[in-house]
Amino acid sequence: MQASALLVIDVQHAFLDAKWGNRNNPQAEENIGTLLAHWRQQQWPVVHIQHTSDDVTSLFHPSNDGFAFKDVATPLAHEPIFTKKVNSAFIGTNLEAYLRDHHLTSVVICGLTTPHCVSTTTRMSGNLGFQTKIVADATAAFDLFNHEGKLMTAEAVHHAALTELHHEFAQIVTTEELIKKR
C-alpha cells in the first residue's frame, strides 16, 4: 500500500488569539501530534502548510508571533513547508507539483480551520484527483455568524463543513480509525 501524504494545515499560534472566539475540538492539536508521530515513525511523507499575510497588522504576518507553528506541529528539517496567502494550499504554491513529483496520489488532511483552509484545500484536492481523507477530530472550527446574523456554534460549523465534504470530496475519518487502518 502506498503511503498518503499527511497535510498539516495552519497549525499556527494565530489561532490562539481571543478574537476567534469559541472553538470546538480542544483535542485537535493532541490528535494532530498523534498523527504526526505515527507518520514520522512510519517514515511517510509529512507536508506543512503555513498561512501568511502581507498585512503587517495580521496575526499571520511573518513578523508577528501568530505566524509561528504551534509546538505540536513544528516541522522537522526534512519536511516541506508550503506558505500560502489564500484558503487553498494548492493556490500560489507548488503543493500539487510536489505531490505529483513524489508520486503521492492520496492525502490525509488535518489542521485549522475546518470551514476555511481545511475545506478549501480538501475541495481542490478532490477536484485535482487526489484520494483525500480528513481527520475530523484533528480539525477544529470557531463560532461563526451566518448570513442571517445568527450565531452558529463551532460544533455546528465543524459538522456542517465536514458534511459538505463527505463523499463528495473526501472520506471523513477519526484519528483512531486512521491509525488502526494503517
Protein backbone atom coordinates (compact mmCIF):
# COMPACT_ATOMS: atom_id res chain seq x y z
CA MET A 1 0.00 0.00 0.00
CA GLN A 2 1.31 3.42 -0.95
CA ALA A 3 1.61 5.93 1.88
CA SER A 4 -0.56 9.02 1.91
CA ALA A 5 0.96 12.42 2.49
CA LEU A 6 -0.14 14.00 5.76
CA LEU A 7 -1.05 17.65 5.10
CA VAL A 8 -0.90 19.66 8.32
CA ILE A 9 -2.70 22.92 7.62
CA ASP A 10 -2.18 26.20 9.50
CA VAL A 11 -1.47 24.85 12.99
CA GLN A 12 -0.20 28.29 13.98
CA HIS A 13 -0.16 30.50 17.07
CA ALA A 14 -2.51 32.98 15.36
CA PHE A 15 -5.43 30.70 16.23
CA LEU A 16 -4.73 31.13 19.94
CA ASP A 17 -5.88 34.75 19.74
CA ALA A 18 -9.12 35.56 21.60
CA LYS A 19 -10.50 37.35 18.50
CA TRP A 20 -11.57 34.00 17.03
CA GLY A 21 -13.98 33.29 19.88
CA ASN A 22 -15.32 29.89 20.88
CA ARG A 23 -13.72 26.79 19.35
CA ASN A 24 -14.69 23.12 19.21
CA ASN A 25 -12.39 20.07 19.32
CA PRO A 26 -9.99 21.20 22.05
CA GLN A 27 -8.17 17.90 21.49
CA ALA A 28 -7.43 18.66 17.81
CA GLU A 29 -3.78 19.55 18.39
CA GLU A 30 -3.24 16.46 20.51
CA ASN A 31 -4.65 14.35 17.68
CA ILE A 32 -2.50 16.20 15.15
CA GLY A 33 0.51 15.34 17.32
CA THR A 34 -0.57 11.68 17.34
CA LEU A 35 -0.89 11.69 13.55
CA LEU A 36 2.50 13.36 13.13
CA ALA A 37 4.18 10.86 15.44
CA HIS A 38 2.59 7.95 13.56
CA TRP A 39 3.53 9.30 10.11
CA ARG A 40 7.08 10.05 11.22
CA GLN A 41 7.51 6.62 12.82
CA GLN A 42 6.41 5.01 9.56
CA GLN A 43 8.63 7.43 7.59
CA TRP A 44 5.68 8.54 5.50
CA PRO A 45 5.59 11.98 3.88
CA VAL A 46 4.54 14.94 6.01
CA VAL A 47 3.79 18.31 4.42
CA HIS A 48 3.21 21.50 6.39
CA ILE A 49 1.05 24.36 5.20
CA GLN A 50 1.58 27.79 6.74
CA HIS A 51 -0.73 30.76 6.22
CA THR A 52 0.89 34.14 5.68
CA SER A 53 -0.29 37.68 5.11
CA ASP A 54 1.31 40.78 3.60
CA ASP A 55 -0.65 42.93 6.06
CA VAL A 56 1.67 43.79 8.97
CA THR A 57 -1.32 44.04 11.31
CA SER A 58 -2.44 40.47 10.55
CA LEU A 59 -1.79 37.72 13.07
CA PHE A 60 -0.41 35.75 10.11
CA HIS A 61 2.22 38.30 9.08
CA PRO A 62 5.70 36.76 9.37
CA SER A 63 6.79 39.50 11.79
CA ASN A 64 4.06 38.54 14.26
CA ASP A 65 4.11 35.68 16.77
CA GLY A 66 0.93 34.24 15.26
CA PHE A 67 2.81 33.22 12.11
CA ALA A 68 4.81 30.58 14.02
CA PHE A 69 3.78 26.95 14.12
CA LYS A 70 2.40 25.62 17.39
CA ASP A 71 4.93 23.36 19.11
CA VAL A 72 2.92 20.20 18.41
CA ALA A 73 3.17 20.87 14.66
CA THR A 74 6.73 22.12 14.33
CA PRO A 75 8.13 20.80 11.05
CA LEU A 76 11.23 18.63 11.06
CA ALA A 77 14.11 19.84 8.90
CA HIS A 78 13.33 17.46 6.01
CA GLU A 79 9.56 18.14 5.97
CA PRO A 80 8.50 20.64 3.31
CA ILE A 81 6.61 23.81 4.18
CA PHE A 82 4.31 25.46 1.66
CA THR A 83 3.34 29.01 2.52
CA LYS A 84 0.02 30.25 1.20
CA LYS A 85 -1.85 33.57 1.17
CA VAL A 86 -5.33 32.19 0.44
CA ASN A 87 -7.51 29.41 1.84
CA SER A 88 -6.35 26.69 -0.55
CA ALA A 89 -2.92 25.16 -0.05
CA PHE A 90 -2.88 24.48 -3.80
CA ILE A 91 -3.18 28.10 -4.97
CA GLY A 92 0.05 30.08 -5.27
CA THR A 93 2.17 27.15 -4.04
CA ASN A 94 3.96 24.18 -5.57
CA LEU A 95 2.00 21.68 -3.47
CA GLU A 96 0.35 19.91 -6.41
CA ALA A 97 3.66 19.61 -8.26
CA TYR A 98 5.36 18.32 -5.11
CA LEU A 99 2.73 15.62 -4.60
CA ARG A 100 2.82 14.56 -8.25
CA ASP A 101 6.65 14.64 -8.43
CA HIS A 102 6.72 12.32 -5.40
CA HIS A 103 4.04 10.04 -6.89
CA LEU A 104 1.69 10.74 -4.00
CA THR A 105 -1.88 10.12 -5.10
CA SER A 106 -3.57 10.33 -1.71
CA VAL A 107 -3.54 12.83 1.13
CA VAL A 108 -4.74 12.93 4.72
CA ILE A 109 -5.70 16.41 5.89
CA CYS A 110 -5.69 17.82 9.41
CA GLY A 111 -5.36 21.33 10.83
CA LEU A 112 -7.19 24.61 11.10
CA THR A 113 -9.87 25.63 10.40
CA THR A 114 -12.46 23.13 9.22
CA PRO A 115 -14.73 25.51 7.24
CA HIS A 116 -11.93 27.58 5.74
CA CYS A 117 -8.47 26.35 4.77
CA VAL A 118 -9.14 22.69 5.55
CA SER A 119 -12.35 22.72 3.50
CA THR A 120 -10.95 24.70 0.58
CA THR A 121 -7.81 22.58 0.35
CA THR A 122 -9.92 19.42 0.57
CA ARG A 123 -12.22 20.54 -2.24
CA MET A 124 -9.29 21.30 -4.51
CA SER A 125 -7.52 18.07 -3.55
CA GLY A 126 -10.58 16.09 -4.59
CA ASN A 127 -11.02 18.10 -7.76
CA LEU A 128 -7.38 17.54 -8.69
CA GLY A 129 -7.90 13.80 -8.41
CA PHE A 130 -6.15 13.06 -5.13
CA GLN A 131 -7.73 10.43 -2.89
CA THR A 132 -8.47 12.59 0.15
CA LYS A 133 -9.28 11.94 3.79
CA ILE A 134 -9.99 14.49 6.53
CA VAL A 135 -9.37 13.60 10.14
CA ALA A 136 -12.47 15.03 11.84
CA ASP A 137 -11.04 15.08 15.36
CA ALA A 138 -7.78 16.63 14.17
CA THR A 139 -9.51 19.72 12.78
CA ALA A 140 -11.48 22.46 14.51
CA ALA A 141 -13.78 25.38 13.87
CA PHE A 142 -14.81 28.59 15.61
CA ASP A 143 -18.25 30.07 16.16
CA LEU A 144 -19.46 31.99 13.11
CA PHE A 145 -22.38 34.24 12.32
CA ASN A 146 -24.41 33.04 9.36
CA HIS A 147 -25.86 35.15 6.55
CA GLU A 148 -28.91 35.93 8.70
CA GLY A 149 -26.78 37.21 11.56
CA LYS A 150 -27.46 34.14 13.71
CA LEU A 151 -24.63 32.66 15.73
CA MET A 152 -23.65 29.17 14.62
CA THR A 153 -21.73 27.23 17.25
CA ALA A 154 -18.24 25.97 16.46
CA GLU A 155 -19.52 22.41 16.71
CA ALA A 156 -22.33 23.11 14.20
CA VAL A 157 -19.92 24.87 11.83
CA HIS A 158 -17.45 21.99 12.08
CA HIS A 159 -20.08 19.34 11.40
CA ALA A 160 -21.63 21.31 8.54
CA ALA A 161 -18.24 21.71 6.85
CA LEU A 162 -17.47 18.01 7.21
CA THR A 163 -20.95 17.06 5.98
CA GLU A 164 -20.46 19.14 2.82
CA LEU A 165 -17.15 17.42 2.09
CA HIS A 166 -18.10 13.84 2.99
CA HIS A 167 -18.19 11.51 -0.04
CA GLU A 168 -18.17 14.42 -2.49
CA PHE A 169 -14.55 15.48 -1.93
CA ALA A 170 -13.18 13.30 0.86
CA GLN A 171 -13.69 10.47 3.27
CA ILE A 172 -14.15 11.64 6.85
CA VAL A 173 -12.25 9.61 9.46
CA THR A 174 -11.07 9.89 13.05
CA THR A 175 -7.51 9.69 14.32
CA GLU A 176 -8.15 6.28 15.85
CA GLU A 177 -9.81 4.86 12.72
CA LEU A 178 -6.99 6.09 10.52
CA ILE A 179 -4.16 4.75 12.67
CA LYS A 180 -5.87 1.36 13.12
CA LYS A 181 -6.15 1.01 9.32
CA ARG A 182 -2.51 1.87 8.74
